[in-house]
C-alpha atoms as a PDB file:
ATOM      1  CA  MET A   1       0.000   0.000   0.000  1.00  0.00           C
ATOM      2  CA  PRO A   2       1.363   3.456  -0.848  1.00  0.00           C
ATOM      3  CA  ALA A   3       2.392   5.666   2.074  1.00  0.00           C
ATOM      4  CA  VAL A   4       0.344   8.546   0.609  1.00  0.00           C
ATOM      5  CA  ALA A   5      -3.291   8.025  -0.370  1.00  0.00           C
ATOM      6  CA  ARG A   6      -3.628  11.360  -2.163  1.00  0.00           C
ATOM      7  CA  LEU A   7      -2.425  14.933  -2.315  1.00  0.00           C
ATOM      8  CA  VAL A   8      -4.879  17.583  -1.156  1.00  0.00           C
ATOM      9  CA  THR A   9      -4.670  21.270  -2.004  1.00  0.00           C
ATOM     10  CA  THR A  10      -7.028  23.447   0.017  1.00  0.00           C
ATOM     11  CA  ALA A  11      -7.798  26.936  -1.275  1.00  0.00           C
ATOM     12  CA  GLU A  12      -9.267  29.672   0.924  1.00  0.00           C
ATOM     13  CA  LEU A  13     -10.160  33.248   0.108  1.00  0.00           C
ATOM     14  CA  ALA A  14      -7.509  35.349   1.863  1.00  0.00           C
ATOM     15  CA  GLY A  15      -8.930  38.798   1.120  1.00  0.00           C
ATOM     16  CA  THR A  16     -11.472  40.570  -0.988  1.00  0.00           C
ATOM     17  CA  GLU A  17      -9.559  43.277  -2.844  1.00  0.00           C
ATOM     18  CA  PRO A  18      -7.860  42.138  -4.918  1.00  0.00           C
ATOM     19  CA  PHE A  19      -9.133  38.580  -5.209  1.00  0.00           C
ATOM     20  CA  SER A  20      -6.510  36.773  -3.123  1.00  0.00           C
ATOM     21  CA  VAL A  21      -6.350  33.039  -2.414  1.00  0.00           C
ATOM     22  CA  ARG A  22      -4.223  31.218   0.167  1.00  0.00           C
ATOM     23  CA  VAL A  23      -3.308  27.621  -0.654  1.00  0.00           C
ATOM     24  CA  LEU A  24      -2.245  24.737   1.613  1.00  0.00           C
ATOM     25  CA  HIS A  25      -0.794  21.587   0.080  1.00  0.00           C
ATOM     26  CA  GLU A  26      -0.919  18.367   2.100  1.00  0.00           C
ATOM     27  CA  ALA A  27      -0.348  14.650   1.748  1.00  0.00           C
ATOM     28  CA  GLU A  28      -3.208  12.531   3.027  1.00  0.00           C
ATOM     29  CA  LEU A  29      -2.112   9.208   4.487  1.00  0.00           C
ATOM     30  CA  PRO A  30      -4.160   5.997   4.179  1.00  0.00           C
ATOM     31  CA  ASP A  31      -5.429   6.452   7.773  1.00  0.00           C
ATOM     32  CA  GLY A  32      -6.831   9.905   6.897  1.00  0.00           C
ATOM     33  CA  ARG A  33      -4.162  11.973   8.658  1.00  0.00           C
ATOM     34  CA  ARG A  34      -2.725  14.863   6.677  1.00  0.00           C
ATOM     35  CA  VAL A  35       0.880  15.998   6.605  1.00  0.00           C
ATOM     36  CA  LEU A  36       1.654  19.568   5.553  1.00  0.00           C
ATOM     37  CA  LEU A  37       3.809  19.930   2.461  1.00  0.00           C
ATOM     38  CA  LEU A  38       3.483  23.606   1.506  1.00  0.00           C
ATOM     39  CA  ALA A  39       1.898  26.496   3.383  1.00  0.00           C
ATOM     40  CA  ASP A  40       3.522  29.432   1.601  1.00  0.00           C
ATOM     41  CA  ARG A  41       1.568  29.405  -1.651  1.00  0.00           C
ATOM     42  CA  GLY A  42      -1.283  31.408  -3.076  1.00  0.00           C
ATOM     43  CA  PHE A  43      -2.342  33.661  -5.916  1.00  0.00           C
ATOM     44  CA  THR A  44      -4.054  36.969  -6.604  1.00  0.00           C
ATOM     45  CA  SER A  45      -6.329  38.099  -9.398  1.00  0.00           C
ATOM     46  CA  SER A  46      -7.845  41.480 -10.190  1.00  0.00           C
ATOM     47  CA  GLY A  47     -11.321  39.979 -10.282  1.00  0.00           C
ATOM     48  CA  PRO A  48     -13.307  36.845  -9.557  1.00  0.00           C
ATOM     49  CA  TYR A  49     -12.835  33.741 -11.656  1.00  0.00           C
ATOM     50  CA  ASP A  50     -15.481  32.514 -14.076  1.00  0.00           C
ATOM     51  CA  SER A  51     -15.791  29.098 -12.441  1.00  0.00           C
ATOM     52  CA  PRO A  52     -14.553  26.949  -9.565  1.00  0.00           C
ATOM     53  CA  ALA A  53     -12.679  24.847 -12.146  1.00  0.00           C
ATOM     54  CA  GLU A  54     -10.491  27.862 -13.009  1.00  0.00           C
ATOM     55  CA  ILE A  55      -9.616  28.345  -9.336  1.00  0.00           C
ATOM     56  CA  GLU A  56      -8.839  24.635  -8.977  1.00  0.00           C
ATOM     57  CA  ALA A  57      -6.509  24.789 -11.986  1.00  0.00           C
ATOM     58  CA  GLU A  58      -4.690  27.817 -10.570  1.00  0.00           C
ATOM     59  CA  ALA A  59      -4.345  26.127  -7.167  1.00  0.00           C
ATOM     60  CA  ARG A  60      -2.763  23.064  -8.819  1.00  0.00           C
ATOM     61  CA  THR A  61      -0.345  25.314 -10.675  1.00  0.00           C
ATOM     62  CA  VAL A  62       0.882  27.232  -7.631  1.00  0.00           C
ATOM     63  CA  VAL A  63       1.753  24.090  -5.650  1.00  0.00           C
ATOM     64  CA  GLY A  64       4.110  22.997  -8.413  1.00  0.00           C
ATOM     65  CA  PRO A  65       6.117  21.865 -10.104  1.00  0.00           C
ATOM     66  CA  ASP A  66       7.328  25.347 -11.038  1.00  0.00           C
ATOM     67  CA  GLU A  67       7.978  26.495 -14.587  1.00  0.00           C
ATOM     68  CA  PRO A  68      11.492  25.898 -15.919  1.00  0.00           C
ATOM     69  CA  PHE A  69      14.028  28.705 -15.844  1.00  0.00           C
ATOM     70  CA  SER A  70      17.605  29.208 -16.938  1.00  0.00           C
ATOM     71  CA  GLU A  71      18.913  25.927 -18.364  1.00  0.00           C
ATOM     72  CA  ARG A  72      16.407  23.737 -16.515  1.00  0.00           C
ATOM     73  CA  THR A  73      13.798  21.730 -18.379  1.00  0.00           C
ATOM     74  CA  SER A  74      10.242  20.972 -17.296  1.00  0.00           C
ATOM     75  CA  GLU A  75      11.388  17.465 -16.402  1.00  0.00           C
ATOM     76  CA  ASP A  76      14.233  18.858 -14.266  1.00  0.00           C
ATOM     77  CA  MET A  77      11.766  21.052 -12.408  1.00  0.00           C
ATOM     78  CA  ALA A  78       9.322  18.199 -11.881  1.00  0.00           C
ATOM     79  CA  ALA A  79      12.035  15.833 -10.641  1.00  0.00           C
ATOM     80  CA  GLY A  80      13.291  18.418  -8.154  1.00  0.00           C
ATOM     81  CA  HIS A  81       9.776  19.255  -6.998  1.00  0.00           C
ATOM     82  CA  TRP A  82       8.735  15.662  -6.311  1.00  0.00           C
ATOM     83  CA  ALA A  83      12.080  14.845  -4.669  1.00  0.00           C
ATOM     84  CA  ALA A  84      11.736  17.851  -2.330  1.00  0.00           C
ATOM     85  CA  LEU A  85       8.192  16.874  -1.326  1.00  0.00           C
ATOM     86  CA  ALA A  86       9.241  13.268  -0.714  1.00  0.00           C
ATOM     87  CA  GLU A  87      12.120  14.475   1.461  1.00  0.00           C
ATOM     88  CA  ARG A  88       9.765  16.750   3.415  1.00  0.00           C
ATOM     89  CA  LEU A  89       7.506  13.776   4.107  1.00  0.00           C
ATOM     90  CA  ARG A  90      10.419  11.530   5.092  1.00  0.00           C
ATOM     91  CA  SER A  91      11.573  14.203   7.561  1.00  0.00           C
ATOM     92  CA  GLN A  92       8.120  13.898   9.147  1.00  0.00           C
ATOM     93  CA  GLY A  93       8.253  10.112   9.356  1.00  0.00           C
ATOM     94  CA  VAL A  94       6.402   9.209   6.155  1.00  0.00           C
ATOM     95  CA  GLU A  95       8.387   6.858   3.929  1.00  0.00           C
ATOM     96  CA  THR A  96       7.619   7.627   0.307  1.00  0.00           C
ATOM     97  CA  THR A  97       9.337   8.289  -2.988  1.00  0.00           C
ATOM     98  CA  ALA A  98       9.174  11.036  -5.564  1.00  0.00           C
ATOM     99  CA  ALA A  99       7.729   8.538  -8.064  1.00  0.00           C
ATOM    100  CA  GLU A 100       4.958   7.545  -5.659  1.00  0.00           C
ATOM    101  CA  LEU A 101       4.001  11.166  -5.025  1.00  0.00           C
ATOM    102  CA  ARG A 102       4.019  11.976  -8.715  1.00  0.00           C
ATOM    103  CA  GLN A 103       1.443   9.218  -9.293  1.00  0.00           C
ATOM    104  CA  ALA A 104      -0.774  10.059  -6.296  1.00  0.00           C
ATOM    105  CA  PRO A 105      -4.247  11.442  -6.961  1.00  0.00           C
ATOM    106  CA  HIS A 106      -4.378  15.207  -6.398  1.00  0.00           C
ATOM    107  CA  ASP A 107      -7.627  16.775  -5.202  1.00  0.00           C
ATOM    108  CA  VAL A 108      -8.322  20.476  -4.827  1.00  0.00           C
ATOM    109  CA  VAL A 109     -10.786  21.540  -2.140  1.00  0.00           C
ATOM    110  CA  LEU A 110     -12.253  25.042  -2.282  1.00  0.00           C
ATOM    111  CA  SER A 111     -13.582  26.591   0.913  1.00  0.00           C
ATOM    112  CA  GLU A 112     -17.279  27.489   0.960  1.00  0.00           C
ATOM    113  CA  ARG A 113     -16.430  31.186   1.063  1.00  0.00           C
ATOM    114  CA  LEU A 114     -14.234  30.842  -2.022  1.00  0.00           C
ATOM    115  CA  ARG A 115     -16.892  28.826  -3.859  1.00  0.00           C
ATOM    116  CA  ARG A 116     -19.394  31.625  -3.240  1.00  0.00           C
ATOM    117  CA  GLN A 117     -16.972  34.143  -4.763  1.00  0.00           C
ATOM    118  CA  ALA A 118     -16.284  32.078  -7.885  1.00  0.00           C
END
């Protein structure tokens, strides 16, 4: 059984002007516990989004992998991203691999307040 059941990104409206969203990225374990991966992500828009699906897509983007820069390729960025998340989990006692995380289902959960704004 994989050490991580799924990845969960939770998006919450952080302000009203401009449209600002705070994002938490967690790994959910098979027993339902969640382990924090990223708490320093979010995004801002000048106006509301047309649909919850657009917000979900943006939330997935901001938790990575990041866009390539300099001489790095998309694959380099993805490999580094998944390796860093796996290491963060291992440091918290969850044995996993970058490959396992890359294959894990990834759900985005929008808060009720954010859904009302979308």
